[in-house]
Amino acid sequence: MNILVYGAGVLGSYLAHGLVRGGHNVTMLARGQRLNELQNDGSVIRHYFQFRTTVDKVNVIRELRPEDVYDLIFVVMKYPDFQTVLPALAANHSSHVVIVGNNASPHEMRDYLEANSPVAKKVAFGFLVGAGWRETGRMISVHGPKGQMIIGGLGEELVWRSMIDQAFVNSKFKLTYYKDMDEWLKSHFIMVLPMNFIANAYDGNLRQAVKDSKLLNHVIDAIDEGNQVLEKLGYTVTPESQKEWVRQKRKLLYMGLKMMLGTPVGRTLLSDKAVSENEISALTQAFHDLKQSANMSTPNWDMLINYSPASK
């Protein structure tokens, strides 16, 4: 298959790595220094847990032209950046697009692509589990033994699922399909946002934050408030275990948070290396809009936004 990975950051590079190993002809879209790195040295990834470095030769482009047709396009970006690439995606004559990453407005993105493309667009949404950071000349990728992709449509079965499955054959990626990715994506950012407020409370000093039991309890209560907002608006919290952890397994979740904050990898996952400041801001605004629609108060969530150690 001819596959384009639109976005050459940590997750886009790791996805391209899996697709290359699956035997596909992979092209990456990149700009600036990253474009030069890919052209000169290939895609260099240091796999953090696996203690190995891989180098993949990929095709590289700096822009997507309407006539550049691919069997499948994966768009892997931060949520605030998606809007800037939608016009180029819509104008392009490729038919199958998967938008990967945190996302508060998948319906709007799909509708835009379908309404503004010269060809019938089939659009799915995904989330690639992993994290990492950039270093000069390479990406540091934090992931498990297998890559994990959560993927699906927006309330409908993906009739073209076989094409996605084909892309991941021999890639060492595990795919988990959900029928309604809008519910999954909203549930996900409502869970991770309160956790990412922990770093702000202590100016990034998570070793100090782990000692603040009041802060960690506010985080758990804020996740529950977010779940309640979704439920009032008619969404199903997905996966259902997200509700169970905050309502029935609270002590285990609390201990899990403390353990996460106490490890180098956990601290990476809760830093701006995993979710950037502008993405947190955009997703926070999206939650504010949901809360307004639900006409609900969220005192724990509001407290987290302005939390400081002096308020303990």
Protein backbone atom coordinates (compact mmCIF):
# COMPACT_ATOMS: atom_id res chain seq x y z
CA MET A 1 0.00 0.00 0.00
CA ASN A 2 1.02 3.61 -0.59
CA ILE A 3 0.52 5.35 2.75
CA LEU A 4 1.08 8.95 3.80
CA VAL A 5 1.77 9.89 7.41
CA TYR A 6 0.90 13.58 7.62
CA GLY A 7 2.90 14.79 10.61
CA ALA A 8 6.43 13.76 11.56
CA GLY A 9 6.48 14.23 15.32
CA VAL A 10 7.04 11.49 17.89
CA LEU A 11 3.80 9.60 17.28
CA GLY A 12 3.75 10.12 13.53
CA SER A 13 7.32 8.82 13.30
CA TYR A 14 6.50 5.77 15.42
CA LEU A 15 3.42 5.03 13.31
CA ALA A 16 5.48 5.34 10.12
CA HIS A 17 8.04 2.95 11.62
CA GLY A 18 5.37 0.28 12.14
CA LEU A 19 3.94 0.74 8.65
CA VAL A 20 7.39 0.53 7.04
CA ARG A 21 8.09 -2.69 8.94
CA GLY A 22 4.76 -3.95 7.61
CA GLY A 23 6.14 -3.70 4.08
CA HIS A 24 4.31 -0.61 2.86
CA ASN A 25 5.56 2.29 0.78
CA VAL A 26 5.46 5.05 3.38
CA THR A 27 5.71 8.78 2.78
CA MET A 28 5.98 11.34 5.56
CA LEU A 29 5.01 15.00 5.34
CA ALA A 30 7.37 17.25 7.28
CA ARG A 31 8.75 20.76 7.25
CA GLY A 32 11.74 22.71 8.54
CA GLN A 33 14.47 20.91 10.42
CA ARG A 34 12.47 17.69 10.60
CA LEU A 35 12.22 17.61 6.81
CA ASN A 36 16.00 17.89 6.52
CA GLU A 37 16.54 15.17 9.12
CA LEU A 38 14.28 12.73 7.31
CA GLN A 39 15.83 13.45 3.94
CA ASN A 40 19.43 13.20 5.16
CA ASP A 41 19.32 10.52 7.85
CA GLY A 42 15.95 8.78 7.61
CA SER A 43 13.54 8.46 10.52
CA VAL A 44 15.68 7.75 13.57
CA ILE A 45 13.81 6.50 16.65
CA ARG A 46 15.21 5.60 20.04
CA HIS A 47 12.77 3.09 21.56
CA TYR A 48 12.95 4.00 25.24
CA PHE A 49 11.86 0.74 26.88
CA GLN A 50 13.35 -1.53 24.23
CA PHE A 51 16.87 -0.05 24.47
CA ARG A 52 17.28 0.04 20.72
CA THR A 53 17.45 2.53 17.89
CA THR A 54 15.87 2.05 14.48
CA VAL A 55 16.40 3.92 11.22
CA ASP A 56 13.74 3.83 8.51
CA LYS A 57 14.14 5.26 5.04
CA VAL A 58 10.91 6.93 4.01
CA ASN A 59 9.76 9.15 1.18
CA VAL A 60 9.43 12.76 2.29
CA ILE A 61 7.24 15.60 1.03
CA ARG A 62 6.78 19.17 2.31
CA GLU A 63 3.20 19.68 1.07
CA LEU A 64 0.20 17.62 0.02
CA ARG A 65 -0.92 18.43 -3.51
CA PRO A 66 -4.42 17.59 -4.79
CA GLU A 67 -3.05 15.11 -7.34
CA ASP A 68 -0.94 13.15 -4.81
CA VAL A 69 -3.10 10.07 -4.31
CA TYR A 70 -2.47 7.58 -1.50
CA ASP A 71 -4.32 4.42 -0.53
CA LEU A 72 -4.48 5.68 3.04
CA ILE A 73 -3.58 8.93 4.81
CA PHE A 74 -2.90 9.08 8.55
CA VAL A 75 -2.95 12.60 9.97
CA VAL A 76 -1.03 12.57 13.27
CA MET A 77 -1.00 15.96 14.98
CA LYS A 78 -1.87 17.95 18.08
CA TYR A 79 -5.55 18.86 18.30
CA PRO A 80 -5.10 22.63 17.65
CA ASP A 81 -3.17 21.88 14.44
CA PHE A 82 -5.81 19.78 12.70
CA GLN A 83 -7.78 22.78 11.47
CA THR A 84 -4.80 24.11 9.53
CA VAL A 85 -4.47 20.94 7.43
CA LEU A 86 -8.15 20.28 6.67
CA PRO A 87 -8.22 22.40 3.46
CA ALA A 88 -5.26 20.50 1.96
CA LEU A 89 -6.81 17.17 2.98
CA ALA A 90 -10.14 18.13 1.48
CA ALA A 91 -8.56 19.23 -1.82
CA ASN A 92 -6.52 16.02 -2.09
CA HIS A 93 -7.95 13.23 -4.25
CA SER A 94 -7.20 10.40 -1.80
CA SER A 95 -10.35 8.75 -0.46
CA HIS A 96 -9.36 7.23 2.89
CA VAL A 97 -8.25 9.37 5.83
CA VAL A 98 -7.59 8.52 9.48
CA ILE A 99 -7.23 11.50 11.84
CA VAL A 100 -5.12 10.46 14.84
CA GLY A 101 -4.79 12.25 18.15
CA ASN A 102 -6.71 14.04 20.88
CA ASN A 103 -9.81 15.49 19.30
CA ALA A 104 -12.80 17.41 20.64
CA SER A 105 -14.52 18.01 17.29
CA PRO A 106 -14.36 14.90 15.07
CA HIS A 107 -17.86 15.37 13.64
CA GLU A 108 -17.00 18.86 12.43
CA MET A 109 -13.77 17.61 10.83
CA ARG A 110 -15.47 14.74 9.05
CA ASP A 111 -18.29 16.96 7.81
CA TYR A 112 -15.81 19.51 6.46
CA LEU A 113 -13.84 16.88 4.55
CA GLU A 114 -16.94 15.28 3.11
CA ALA A 115 -18.45 18.61 2.05
CA ASN A 116 -15.32 20.12 0.50
CA SER A 117 -13.60 17.23 -1.26
CA PRO A 118 -13.82 16.53 -5.00
CA VAL A 119 -13.91 12.79 -4.20
CA ALA A 120 -15.97 10.80 -1.72
CA LYS A 121 -14.04 10.85 1.55
CA LYS A 122 -14.12 7.99 4.02
CA VAL A 123 -12.93 9.31 7.37
CA ALA A 124 -12.03 7.44 10.56
CA PHE A 125 -10.55 8.66 13.84
CA GLY A 126 -7.84 7.11 15.94
CA PHE A 127 -5.63 7.52 18.96
CA LEU A 128 -2.10 6.15 19.10
CA VAL A 129 -1.07 5.09 22.60
CA GLY A 130 2.41 6.34 23.38
CA ALA A 131 4.50 9.36 24.24
CA GLY A 132 8.01 10.68 23.87
CA TRP A 133 10.02 13.72 22.96
CA ARG A 134 12.27 15.13 20.28
CA GLU A 135 16.02 15.30 20.38
CA THR A 136 18.27 16.66 17.66
CA GLY A 137 18.25 14.17 14.82
CA ARG A 138 15.97 11.61 16.44
CA MET A 139 12.74 10.88 18.29
CA ILE A 140 12.54 9.24 21.70
CA SER A 141 9.50 6.95 21.66
CA VAL A 142 7.91 5.58 24.84
CA HIS A 143 5.69 2.61 24.03
CA GLY A 144 4.97 -0.98 24.99
CA PRO A 145 6.08 -4.19 23.26
CA LYS A 146 3.42 -3.57 20.63
CA GLY A 147 2.03 -0.35 19.28
CA GLN A 148 -1.60 0.27 20.20
CA MET A 149 -4.08 2.13 18.06
CA ILE A 150 -7.65 2.91 19.15
CA ILE A 151 -9.70 3.48 16.01
CA GLY A 152 -13.22 3.69 14.65
CA GLY A 153 -15.97 5.74 13.05
CA LEU A 154 -18.50 8.14 14.50
CA GLY A 155 -21.38 5.89 15.44
CA GLU A 156 -21.24 3.73 12.36
CA GLU A 157 -19.37 0.58 11.41
CA LEU A 158 -16.33 1.16 9.22
CA VAL A 159 -17.22 -0.63 6.01
CA TRP A 160 -13.63 -0.07 4.86
CA ARG A 161 -12.09 -1.54 8.00
CA SER A 162 -10.34 -4.23 5.93
CA MET A 163 -8.13 -1.55 4.36
CA ILE A 164 -7.01 -0.36 7.80
CA ASP A 165 -6.41 -3.94 8.92
CA GLN A 166 -4.31 -4.52 5.80
CA ALA A 167 -2.16 -1.50 6.61
CA PHE A 168 -1.23 -2.96 10.00
CA VAL A 169 -0.48 -6.53 8.97
CA ASN A 170 3.04 -7.40 10.20
CA SER A 171 3.38 -3.97 11.82
CA LYS A 172 3.38 -5.22 15.43
CA PHE A 173 0.49 -2.92 16.20
CA LYS A 174 -2.64 -3.94 18.07
CA LEU A 175 -5.85 -2.32 16.82
CA THR A 176 -8.87 -1.84 19.07
CA TYR A 177 -12.02 -0.74 17.27
CA TYR A 178 -14.81 1.36 18.78
CA LYS A 179 -18.01 2.13 16.94
CA ASP A 180 -18.22 5.71 18.25
CA MET A 181 -14.83 7.38 18.51
CA ASP A 182 -16.44 10.69 19.41
CA GLU A 183 -17.46 9.18 22.76
CA TRP A 184 -14.05 7.57 23.23
CA LEU A 185 -12.13 10.75 22.41
CA LYS A 186 -14.24 12.93 24.68
CA SER A 187 -13.96 10.41 27.50
CA HIS A 188 -10.21 10.26 27.00
CA PHE A 189 -9.45 13.96 27.19
CA ILE A 190 -11.79 14.34 30.15
CA MET A 191 -9.64 11.74 31.93
CA VAL A 192 -6.20 13.04 30.95
CA LEU A 193 -6.76 16.79 31.36
CA PRO A 194 -7.12 16.74 35.17
CA MET A 195 -3.97 14.61 35.36
CA ASN A 196 -2.06 17.12 33.25
CA PHE A 197 -3.07 19.95 35.57
CA ILE A 198 -0.86 18.31 38.22
CA ALA A 199 2.30 19.60 36.55
CA ASN A 200 0.96 23.16 36.40
CA ALA A 201 0.20 23.15 40.12
CA TYR A 202 3.88 22.70 40.97
CA ASP A 203 5.51 24.37 37.96
CA GLY A 204 6.50 20.98 36.60
CA ASN A 205 7.96 19.65 39.86
CA LEU A 206 6.07 16.36 39.96
CA ARG A 207 8.25 15.01 42.77
CA GLN A 208 6.64 17.60 44.99
CA ALA A 209 3.18 17.09 43.52
CA VAL A 210 3.17 13.40 44.44
CA LYS A 211 3.19 14.43 48.13
CA ASP A 212 0.04 16.56 47.78
CA SER A 213 -2.83 14.19 48.62
CA LYS A 214 -5.39 16.99 48.38
CA LEU A 215 -4.33 17.73 44.81
CA LEU A 216 -4.51 14.07 43.76
CA ASN A 217 -7.99 13.72 45.25
CA HIS A 218 -9.13 16.82 43.37
CA VAL A 219 -7.86 15.17 40.18
CA ILE A 220 -9.93 12.05 40.76
CA ASP A 221 -13.02 14.10 41.66
CA ALA A 222 -12.52 16.25 38.55
CA ILE A 223 -12.45 13.15 36.33
CA ASP A 224 -15.74 12.05 37.89
CA GLU A 225 -17.23 15.51 37.28
CA GLY A 226 -16.18 15.25 33.64
CA ASN A 227 -17.79 11.83 33.34
CA GLN A 228 -21.00 13.25 34.79
CA VAL A 229 -20.98 16.08 32.24
CA LEU A 230 -20.73 13.56 29.42
CA GLU A 231 -23.50 11.42 30.88
CA LYS A 232 -25.84 14.40 31.25
CA LEU A 233 -25.26 15.25 27.57
CA GLY A 234 -26.17 11.72 26.55
CA TYR A 235 -22.70 10.35 25.88
CA THR A 236 -21.59 6.93 27.05
CA VAL A 237 -18.30 7.15 28.95
CA THR A 238 -15.97 4.91 26.95
CA PRO A 239 -14.49 2.59 28.01
CA GLU A 240 -16.92 1.95 30.84
CA SER A 241 -14.04 1.08 33.18
CA GLN A 242 -13.20 4.78 33.31
CA LYS A 243 -16.25 5.32 35.53
CA GLU A 244 -15.46 2.25 37.62
CA TRP A 245 -11.98 3.47 38.51
CA VAL A 246 -13.13 6.81 39.92
CA ARG A 247 -16.32 5.56 41.58
CA GLN A 248 -15.59 2.02 42.69
CA LYS A 249 -11.79 1.66 42.65
CA ARG A 250 -10.82 5.09 43.88
CA LYS A 251 -8.08 3.91 46.26
CA LEU A 252 -6.42 1.91 43.48
CA LEU A 253 -6.59 4.89 41.12
CA TYR A 254 -5.08 7.12 43.81
CA MET A 255 -2.18 4.70 44.32
CA GLY A 256 -1.75 4.41 40.56
CA LEU A 257 -1.43 8.19 40.28
CA LYS A 258 1.20 8.26 43.03
CA MET A 259 3.17 5.49 41.34
CA MET A 260 2.99 7.26 37.99
CA LEU A 261 4.26 10.50 39.49
CA GLY A 262 7.08 8.61 41.16
CA THR A 263 8.63 7.16 38.00
CA PRO A 264 10.59 8.91 35.23
CA VAL A 265 8.30 7.54 32.52
CA GLY A 266 5.19 8.50 34.46
CA ARG A 267 6.49 12.01 34.91
CA THR A 268 7.09 12.19 31.16
CA LEU A 269 3.51 11.10 30.45
CA LEU A 270 2.18 13.89 32.67
CA SER A 271 4.45 16.62 31.33
CA ASP A 272 4.18 18.92 28.33
CA LYS A 273 6.22 16.33 26.41
CA ALA A 274 3.04 14.24 26.18
CA VAL A 275 0.38 16.98 25.90
CA SER A 276 1.54 20.45 24.87
CA GLU A 277 0.38 23.63 26.56
CA ASN A 278 -1.59 24.82 23.53
CA GLU A 279 -3.31 21.43 23.25
CA ILE A 280 -4.25 21.50 26.94
CA SER A 281 -5.67 25.00 26.43
CA ALA A 282 -7.74 23.96 23.41
CA LEU A 283 -9.09 20.84 25.12
CA THR A 284 -9.86 22.79 28.30
CA GLN A 285 -11.95 25.19 26.23
CA ALA A 286 -13.71 22.22 24.65
CA PHE A 287 -14.58 20.88 28.11
CA HIS A 288 -15.81 24.33 29.17
CA ASP A 289 -18.19 24.29 26.19
CA LEU A 290 -19.45 20.82 27.15
CA LYS A 291 -19.97 21.94 30.75
CA GLN A 292 -21.91 24.99 29.59
CA SER A 293 -24.13 22.80 27.40
CA ALA A 294 -24.77 20.47 30.33
CA ASN A 295 -25.39 23.45 32.66
CA MET A 296 -23.36 21.77 35.38
CA SER A 297 -20.92 23.09 37.94
CA THR A 298 -17.54 21.38 38.27
CA PRO A 299 -15.92 22.78 41.43
CA ASN A 300 -13.04 20.31 41.54
CA TRP A 301 -12.18 20.91 37.89
CA ASP A 302 -12.32 24.68 38.39
CA MET A 303 -10.11 24.42 41.45
CA LEU A 304 -7.49 22.44 39.53
CA ILE A 305 -7.17 25.13 36.88
CA ASN A 306 -6.16 27.69 39.51
CA TYR A 307 -4.58 25.34 42.01
CA SER A 308 -1.35 26.26 43.74
CA PRO A 309 0.45 24.67 46.72
CA ALA A 310 -0.50 27.69 48.82
CA SER A 311 -4.16 26.71 48.50
CA LYS A 312 -3.64 23.34 50.23
